[in-house]
Amino acid sequence: MSLGDQQWYPTSVQVTVLKARNLRIKGKNGTNDAYAIMQVGKDKFSTSVAEKCVSPEWKEEATFDLPLFHQGNAERCTLYIIAMHRALVGLDKFLGQAVINLVDLHANRSRKKTE
């Protein structure tokens, strides 16, 4: 195998959650106390809580290590971003989510690697 035949695969991913839009409203007075959970595999990171807003902005980042990177391992190479409403009493409420398959994203040669 020559160096030209080798395929490069990422070993980590850096994720920045900028903001959320079009979220369900679950709080009082038509607002949310929203936070985001980023998850790859079993690793999770939660942002701070953006209080009393409808379009929260966080601009927070996390880095996740990736397992063996191939199509058969796509479930463990999927990024989940889940927006939640912090409830002072009872369970937090689901507001929305985004699911990104990192294997497919890596295979997309038409985009910049920083997207």
Protein backbone atom coordinates (compact mmCIF):
# COMPACT_ATOMS: atom_id res chain seq x y z
CA MET A 1 0.00 0.00 0.00
CA SER A 2 1.46 3.36 -1.01
CA LEU A 3 0.87 6.63 0.79
CA GLY A 4 -1.43 7.71 -2.04
CA ASP A 5 -3.76 4.76 -1.35
CA GLN A 6 -4.24 5.56 2.33
CA GLN A 7 -7.50 7.11 3.48
CA TRP A 8 -7.53 9.77 6.22
CA TYR A 9 -10.20 9.49 8.92
CA PRO A 10 -10.83 11.97 11.74
CA THR A 11 -10.21 10.89 15.32
CA SER A 12 -12.13 13.72 16.97
CA VAL A 13 -14.75 16.34 16.20
CA GLN A 14 -15.09 19.87 17.61
CA VAL A 15 -18.71 21.03 17.82
CA THR A 16 -19.88 24.60 18.38
CA VAL A 17 -23.54 25.22 19.23
CA LEU A 18 -24.26 28.75 18.10
CA LYS A 19 -28.02 29.16 18.56
CA ALA A 20 -31.43 27.56 18.17
CA ARG A 21 -34.51 28.72 16.31
CA ASN A 22 -38.09 27.54 15.79
CA LEU A 23 -38.19 25.84 19.20
CA ARG A 24 -41.38 24.79 20.92
CA ILE A 25 -42.40 27.12 23.75
CA LYS A 26 -42.63 25.27 27.08
CA GLY A 27 -42.00 27.97 29.67
CA LYS A 28 -44.21 30.56 31.26
CA ASN A 29 -44.87 33.90 29.54
CA GLY A 30 -44.14 32.42 26.09
CA THR A 31 -40.40 31.89 26.65
CA ASN A 32 -37.99 29.06 27.45
CA ASP A 33 -35.08 28.51 29.82
CA ALA A 34 -33.20 26.59 27.14
CA TYR A 35 -30.00 24.59 27.11
CA ALA A 36 -28.49 22.23 24.57
CA ILE A 37 -27.03 18.76 25.00
CA MET A 38 -24.40 17.63 22.48
CA GLN A 39 -23.77 13.89 22.34
CA VAL A 40 -21.48 11.60 20.33
CA GLY A 41 -21.60 7.96 21.44
CA LYS A 42 -21.77 7.94 25.23
CA ASP A 43 -20.00 11.31 25.64
CA LYS A 44 -22.24 14.29 26.45
CA PHE A 45 -21.79 18.01 27.00
CA SER A 46 -24.45 20.48 28.18
CA THR A 47 -24.41 24.21 27.48
CA SER A 48 -25.35 26.86 29.97
CA VAL A 49 -29.03 27.82 30.33
CA ALA A 50 -30.27 30.75 28.25
CA GLU A 51 -33.09 32.12 30.37
CA LYS A 52 -36.38 33.62 29.19
CA CYS A 53 -35.78 33.48 25.45
CA VAL A 54 -37.37 32.07 22.29
CA SER A 55 -34.18 31.95 20.14
CA PRO A 56 -31.35 31.10 22.55
CA GLU A 57 -27.70 31.81 21.68
CA TRP A 58 -24.92 29.87 23.39
CA LYS A 59 -21.74 29.97 21.26
CA GLU A 60 -20.33 27.07 23.30
CA GLU A 61 -18.14 24.26 22.05
CA ALA A 62 -17.11 20.74 22.97
CA THR A 63 -14.67 18.22 21.53
CA PHE A 64 -15.53 14.54 21.21
CA ASP A 65 -13.26 11.60 20.44
CA LEU A 66 -14.53 9.44 17.60
CA PRO A 67 -14.49 5.63 17.52
CA LEU A 68 -13.35 3.73 14.44
CA PHE A 69 -14.70 5.84 11.61
CA HIS A 70 -16.57 3.81 8.94
CA GLN A 71 -20.10 3.24 7.62
CA GLY A 72 -20.65 0.18 9.82
CA ASN A 73 -19.99 2.31 12.88
CA ALA A 74 -22.29 5.18 11.84
CA GLU A 75 -24.46 4.95 14.98
CA ARG A 76 -21.46 5.65 17.22
CA CYS A 77 -20.34 8.43 14.82
CA THR A 78 -23.60 10.40 15.00
CA LEU A 79 -23.84 13.83 16.60
CA TYR A 80 -27.05 14.57 18.49
CA ILE A 81 -27.88 18.12 19.52
CA ILE A 82 -30.94 18.24 21.77
CA ALA A 83 -32.55 21.46 23.01
CA MET A 84 -34.26 21.23 26.39
CA HIS A 85 -36.27 23.57 28.63
CA ARG A 86 -35.07 23.61 32.23
CA ALA A 87 -38.01 23.02 34.53
CA LEU A 88 -37.70 24.19 38.12
CA VAL A 89 -40.15 21.49 39.21
CA GLY A 90 -40.33 18.08 37.54
CA LEU A 91 -38.55 16.82 34.45
CA ASP A 92 -36.96 19.11 31.86
CA LYS A 93 -38.97 19.37 28.64
CA PHE A 94 -37.88 18.50 25.10
CA LEU A 95 -37.79 21.46 22.68
CA GLY A 96 -36.19 20.02 19.54
CA GLN A 97 -33.17 18.21 18.14
CA ALA A 98 -30.75 17.90 15.24
CA VAL A 99 -29.12 14.61 14.21
CA ILE A 100 -25.93 14.69 12.09
CA ASN A 101 -24.28 11.57 10.68
CA LEU A 102 -20.57 12.45 10.86
CA VAL A 103 -19.57 9.65 8.45
CA ASP A 104 -21.82 11.10 5.73
CA LEU A 105 -20.66 14.62 6.56
CA HIS A 106 -17.02 13.57 6.19
CA ALA A 107 -17.77 11.89 2.84
CA ASN A 108 -19.34 15.09 1.45
CA ARG A 109 -16.42 16.51 -0.55
CA SER A 110 -18.36 19.60 -1.71
CA ARG A 111 -18.29 21.37 1.67
CA LYS A 112 -15.50 22.97 3.66
CA LYS A 113 -14.08 20.81 6.47
CA THR A 114 -14.89 23.54 9.02
CA GLU A 115 -18.65 23.47 8.30
